[in-house]
N, C-alpha and C. Protein backbone atom coordinates (compact mmCIF):
# COMPACT_ATOMS: atom_id res chain seq x y z
N MET A 1 5.98 -1.06 -2.34
CA MET A 1 4.73 -1.25 -2.32
C MET A 1 4.85 0.56 -2.89
N ASN A 2 4.19 0.85 -3.88
CA ASN A 2 4.05 1.84 -4.40
C ASN A 2 3.02 3.20 -3.71
N THR A 3 3.60 4.00 -2.60
CA THR A 3 3.12 4.70 -1.60
C THR A 3 2.56 6.26 -2.15
N LYS A 4 3.02 6.41 -3.26
CA LYS A 4 3.48 7.66 -3.92
C LYS A 4 1.65 8.51 -3.96
N THR A 5 0.35 7.69 -4.47
CA THR A 5 -0.60 8.51 -4.59
C THR A 5 -1.73 8.50 -3.41
N VAL A 6 -0.60 7.92 -1.86
CA VAL A 6 -1.77 7.61 -0.80
C VAL A 6 -2.18 9.20 -0.23
N PRO A 7 -1.12 10.35 -0.19
CA PRO A 7 -2.09 11.67 0.27
C PRO A 7 -2.58 12.22 -0.90
N ALA A 8 -2.71 11.92 -1.68
CA ALA A 8 -4.07 12.33 -3.15
C ALA A 8 -5.31 12.21 -2.66
N LEU A 9 -5.03 10.65 -2.25
CA LEU A 9 -6.18 9.88 -1.93
C LEU A 9 -7.03 10.04 -1.14
N VAL A 10 -6.00 10.27 0.05
CA VAL A 10 -6.94 10.43 1.59
C VAL A 10 -7.50 12.10 1.66
N MET A 11 -6.51 12.34 0.73
CA MET A 11 -6.88 14.08 0.47
C MET A 11 -9.08 14.44 -0.47
N LEU A 12 -8.40 13.87 -1.74
CA LEU A 12 -9.76 13.38 -2.26
C LEU A 12 -10.79 13.20 -1.56
N THR A 13 -10.82 12.13 -0.58
CA THR A 13 -12.22 11.40 0.11
C THR A 13 -12.28 12.30 0.56
N ALA A 14 -11.53 12.87 1.65
CA ALA A 14 -12.00 13.94 2.79
C ALA A 14 -12.75 15.18 1.91
N GLY A 15 -12.29 15.31 1.15
CA GLY A 15 -13.09 16.44 0.31
C GLY A 15 -14.09 16.07 -0.20
N PHE A 16 -14.33 15.06 -0.71
CA PHE A 16 -15.62 14.36 -1.39
C PHE A 16 -16.37 14.57 -0.07
N VAL A 17 -16.24 13.90 0.78
CA VAL A 17 -17.59 13.74 2.40
C VAL A 17 -17.88 14.98 2.93
N THR A 18 -16.64 16.08 2.76
CA THR A 18 -16.88 17.40 2.91
C THR A 18 -17.90 18.06 2.44
N CYS A 19 -17.63 17.57 0.50
CA CYS A 19 -18.94 18.22 -0.40
C CYS A 19 -20.16 17.72 0.15
N ILE A 20 -20.50 16.31 0.33
CA ILE A 20 -21.84 15.86 0.79
C ILE A 20 -22.13 16.20 1.65
N ILE A 21 -21.24 16.78 2.57
CA ILE A 21 -21.91 17.05 4.29
C ILE A 21 -22.08 18.55 3.81
N GLY A 22 -21.92 19.27 2.82
CA GLY A 22 -21.93 20.92 2.95
C GLY A 22 -23.13 21.56 2.26
N ILE A 23 -23.38 20.43 0.96
CA ILE A 23 -24.53 20.19 0.44
C ILE A 23 -26.04 20.01 1.40
N LYS A 24 -25.85 18.83 2.07
CA LYS A 24 -26.56 18.53 2.88
C LYS A 24 -26.79 19.36 4.20
N GLN A 25 -26.23 19.99 4.69
CA GLN A 25 -26.28 21.16 5.71
C GLN A 25 -26.59 22.73 5.38
N ASP A 26 -26.41 22.70 3.94
CA ASP A 26 -26.55 24.50 3.47
C ASP A 26 -25.72 24.97 3.84
N PHE A 27 -24.21 24.91 3.99
CA PHE A 27 -23.74 25.56 3.69
C PHE A 27 -23.56 27.09 3.28
N SER A 28 -23.17 28.41 3.97
CA SER A 28 -23.25 29.25 2.87
C SER A 28 -21.87 29.53 2.44
N PHE A 29 -21.73 29.92 0.75
CA PHE A 29 -20.73 29.59 0.16
C PHE A 29 -19.39 29.68 0.43
N GLU A 30 -19.06 31.10 1.57
CA GLU A 30 -18.42 31.17 2.47
C GLU A 30 -17.52 30.50 3.49
N THR A 31 -18.46 29.91 4.24
CA THR A 31 -18.22 28.90 5.04
C THR A 31 -17.58 27.36 4.34
N TYR A 32 -18.46 27.41 3.18
CA TYR A 32 -18.17 26.01 2.61
C TYR A 32 -16.52 25.74 1.80
N VAL A 33 -16.37 27.18 1.08
CA VAL A 33 -14.61 27.41 0.67
C VAL A 33 -14.27 26.65 1.84
N LYS A 34 -13.98 27.94 2.73
CA LYS A 34 -13.44 27.83 3.83
C LYS A 34 -12.80 26.13 4.93
N THR A 35 -14.37 25.90 4.85
CA THR A 35 -13.83 24.56 5.61
C THR A 35 -13.23 23.63 4.67
N LEU A 36 -13.82 23.35 3.20
CA LEU A 36 -13.26 22.79 2.33
C LEU A 36 -11.74 22.79 2.06
N PHE A 37 -11.42 24.18 2.21
CA PHE A 37 -9.47 24.42 2.06
C PHE A 37 -9.10 23.84 3.29
N LEU A 38 -9.54 24.10 4.72
CA LEU A 38 -9.03 23.49 5.98
C LEU A 38 -9.07 21.98 5.28
N VAL A 39 -10.03 21.06 5.48
CA VAL A 39 -10.39 20.10 5.23
C VAL A 39 -9.21 19.27 4.13
N LEU A 40 -9.04 19.80 2.87
CA LEU A 40 -8.39 19.42 1.93
C LEU A 40 -6.93 19.72 2.92
N VAL A 41 -6.49 21.16 3.42
CA VAL A 41 -5.04 20.83 4.14
C VAL A 41 -4.78 20.04 4.44
N GLY A 42 -5.54 20.18 5.52
CA GLY A 42 -5.06 19.28 6.48
C GLY A 42 -5.28 17.54 6.35
N PHE A 43 -6.11 17.06 5.25
CA PHE A 43 -6.40 15.34 5.12
C PHE A 43 -4.76 15.46 4.34
N TYR A 44 -4.21 16.44 3.42
CA TYR A 44 -3.04 16.20 2.67
C TYR A 44 -1.76 15.83 3.86
N ILE A 45 -1.77 16.85 5.00
CA ILE A 45 -0.82 16.76 5.48
C ILE A 45 -0.99 14.94 6.36
N PHE A 46 -1.89 14.74 6.76
CA PHE A 46 -2.71 13.48 7.04
C PHE A 46 -1.93 12.27 6.25
N GLY A 47 -2.18 12.43 5.03
CA GLY A 47 -2.07 11.70 3.98
C GLY A 47 -0.41 11.79 4.01
N ILE A 48 0.47 12.75 4.06
CA ILE A 48 2.01 12.37 4.09
C ILE A 48 2.79 11.77 5.47
N ILE A 49 1.60 11.95 6.36
CA ILE A 49 2.23 11.54 7.56
C ILE A 49 1.83 9.80 7.18
N LEU A 50 0.68 9.53 6.80
CA LEU A 50 0.46 8.15 6.81
C LEU A 50 1.33 7.62 5.29
N LYS A 51 1.30 8.09 4.37
CA LYS A 51 3.02 7.89 3.46
C LYS A 51 4.03 7.82 4.41
N VAL A 52 4.69 8.25 5.10
CA VAL A 52 5.63 8.11 5.68
C VAL A 52 5.92 6.67 6.47
N ILE A 53 4.93 6.76 7.40
CA ILE A 53 4.45 5.49 8.14
C ILE A 53 4.38 4.00 7.46
N LEU A 54 3.90 4.26 6.46
CA LEU A 54 3.56 3.10 4.98
C LEU A 54 5.28 2.54 4.56
N ASP A 55 6.21 3.66 4.03
CA ASP A 55 7.04 3.51 3.78
C ASP A 55 7.88 2.69 4.68
N LYS A 56 8.23 3.14 5.90
CA LYS A 56 8.91 3.05 6.80
C LYS A 56 8.27 1.07 7.24
N GLY A 57 7.53 0.98 7.08
CA GLY A 57 6.91 -0.04 7.55
C GLY A 57 6.81 -1.34 6.36
N PHE A 58 6.78 -1.07 5.24
CA PHE A 58 7.25 -1.65 4.14
C PHE A 58 8.50 -1.50 3.42
N ARG A 59 9.16 -1.10 4.02
CA ARG A 59 10.92 -1.43 3.41
C ARG A 59 11.42 -2.80 3.65
N ASN A 60 10.80 -3.54 4.59
CA ASN A 60 11.66 -4.89 4.63
C ASN A 60 11.07 -5.46 3.81
N LEU A 61 10.11 -5.52 3.12
CA LEU A 61 9.42 -6.00 1.73
C LEU A 61 10.05 -5.90 0.39
N ASP A 62 10.47 -4.72 0.31
CA ASP A 62 11.58 -3.96 -0.87
C ASP A 62 12.51 -5.04 -1.02
N GLU A 63 13.29 -5.72 0.21
CA GLU A 63 14.39 -6.32 -0.18
C GLU A 63 14.39 -7.62 0.81
N PRO A 64 13.70 -8.74 0.27
CA PRO A 64 13.03 -9.68 1.67
C PRO A 64 14.63 -10.48 1.32
N LEU A 65 15.36 -10.93 0.28
CA LEU A 65 15.98 -11.63 0.08
C LEU A 65 17.57 -11.24 0.29
N SER A 66 17.83 -9.83 0.71
CA SER A 66 18.97 -9.14 0.77
C SER A 66 20.05 -9.67 1.78
N GLU A 67 19.62 -10.48 2.29
CA GLU A 67 20.47 -11.15 3.50
C GLU A 67 20.98 -12.84 3.13
N PHE A 68 20.25 -12.86 1.73
CA PHE A 68 20.78 -14.23 1.47
C PHE A 68 21.25 -14.29 -0.02
N GLU A 69 21.92 -13.01 -0.12
CA GLU A 69 22.44 -12.81 -1.22
C GLU A 69 23.93 -13.31 -1.72
N ALA A 70 24.78 -13.32 -0.25
CA ALA A 70 25.80 -13.88 -0.58
C ALA A 70 26.10 -15.14 -0.25
N LEU A 71 24.61 -16.04 -0.34
CA LEU A 71 25.22 -17.44 0.25
C LEU A 71 25.76 -17.88 -1.37
N GLU A 72 26.01 -18.95 -1.64
CA GLU A 72 26.23 -19.73 -2.84
C GLU A 72 25.30 -20.70 -2.83
N ILE A 73 24.77 -21.11 -3.41
CA ILE A 73 23.86 -22.19 -3.73
C ILE A 73 24.33 -23.74 -4.87
N ASP A 74 24.74 -24.65 -3.74
CA ASP A 74 25.47 -25.40 -4.75
C ASP A 74 24.29 -26.22 -5.24
N GLU A 75 24.54 -26.02 -6.76
CA GLU A 75 23.51 -26.82 -7.85
C GLU A 75 23.64 -28.07 -8.04
N ASP A 76 24.07 -29.31 -7.29
CA ASP A 76 23.90 -30.34 -7.11
C ASP A 76 22.46 -30.41 -6.43
N LEU A 77 22.53 -29.84 -5.42
CA LEU A 77 21.63 -29.83 -4.33
C LEU A 77 20.54 -29.33 -4.66
N MET A 78 20.72 -28.75 -5.28
CA MET A 78 19.29 -27.83 -6.17
C MET A 78 18.57 -28.99 -7.20
N ASP A 79 19.27 -29.14 -8.00
CA ASP A 79 18.75 -30.49 -8.97
C ASP A 79 18.22 -31.95 -7.93
N ASP A 80 19.07 -32.03 -6.64
CA ASP A 80 18.43 -33.13 -5.59
C ASP A 80 16.88 -32.62 -5.55
N LEU A 81 17.01 -31.47 -5.00
CA LEU A 81 15.59 -31.04 -4.54
C LEU A 81 14.54 -30.93 -5.31
N ALA A 82 14.72 -30.79 -7.09
CA ALA A 82 13.87 -30.08 -7.69
C ALA A 82 13.07 -31.20 -8.23
N MET A 83 11.53 -30.85 -8.11
CA MET A 83 10.55 -31.77 -8.58
C MET A 83 10.29 -31.88 -9.81
N LEU A 84 9.78 -32.77 -10.83
CA LEU A 84 9.49 -32.25 -11.96
C LEU A 84 7.85 -32.31 -11.75
N ASP A 85 6.94 -31.82 -12.74
CA ASP A 85 5.51 -31.10 -12.68
C ASP A 85 4.50 -32.68 -12.25
N ASP A 86 5.58 -33.50 -12.52
CA ASP A 86 4.61 -34.95 -12.83
C ASP A 86 4.64 -35.47 -11.22
N GLU A 87 5.98 -35.43 -10.68
CA GLU A 87 6.29 -35.69 -9.24
C GLU A 87 5.18 -35.09 -8.10
N TYR A 88 5.62 -33.47 -8.49
CA TYR A 88 4.64 -33.05 -7.32
C TYR A 88 3.30 -32.67 -7.18
N GLU A 89 2.49 -33.11 -8.67
CA GLU A 89 0.96 -33.57 -9.10
C GLU A 89 0.95 -34.80 -8.23
N ASP A 90 1.50 -35.48 -8.48
CA ASP A 90 1.50 -37.21 -8.10
C ASP A 90 1.02 -37.23 -6.52
N GLU A 91 2.24 -36.39 -5.88
CA GLU A 91 2.08 -35.96 -4.16
C GLU A 91 1.28 -35.32 -3.78
N PHE A 92 0.62 -34.53 -4.59
CA PHE A 92 -0.42 -33.15 -4.63
C PHE A 92 -1.56 -34.30 -4.44
N PHE A 93 -2.19 -34.94 -5.36
CA PHE A 93 -3.34 -35.88 -5.67
C PHE A 93 -3.27 -36.64 -4.72
N ASP A 94 -2.25 -37.26 -4.34
CA ASP A 94 -2.21 -39.01 -3.83
C ASP A 94 -2.93 -38.72 -2.24
N ARG A 95 -3.13 -37.69 -1.71
CA ARG A 95 -3.35 -37.11 0.00
C ARG A 95 -4.74 -37.70 0.21
C-alpha cells in the first residue's frame, strides 16, 4: 500500500480546519500564525506516526504468496482443475 502521502494529507486537512476556525473566531494575525504553525507541525508528526503504523500493518499484504513460492505445482493437476468459461457459466447459472 502506498502510504507516502499520508503525513501531508493529515497535515493539510488539519491546517484547513484550523484556517476555517481561525476565520470564524476572528483570531489576531499573530495568534493565527502561531496556532497554524503548531497545528501543522503537530499533525505532520501525527501523520508520520500513522504512516509507520499503516506500513507495519500492511507489510503482510505486500507479499501474500511468499510462503508458497517454494512449492512446485503439478501441471497435470492444474489442467484437471481448470474450468472452461462455458463450464463455469453453466455451473453458476444452474443454481
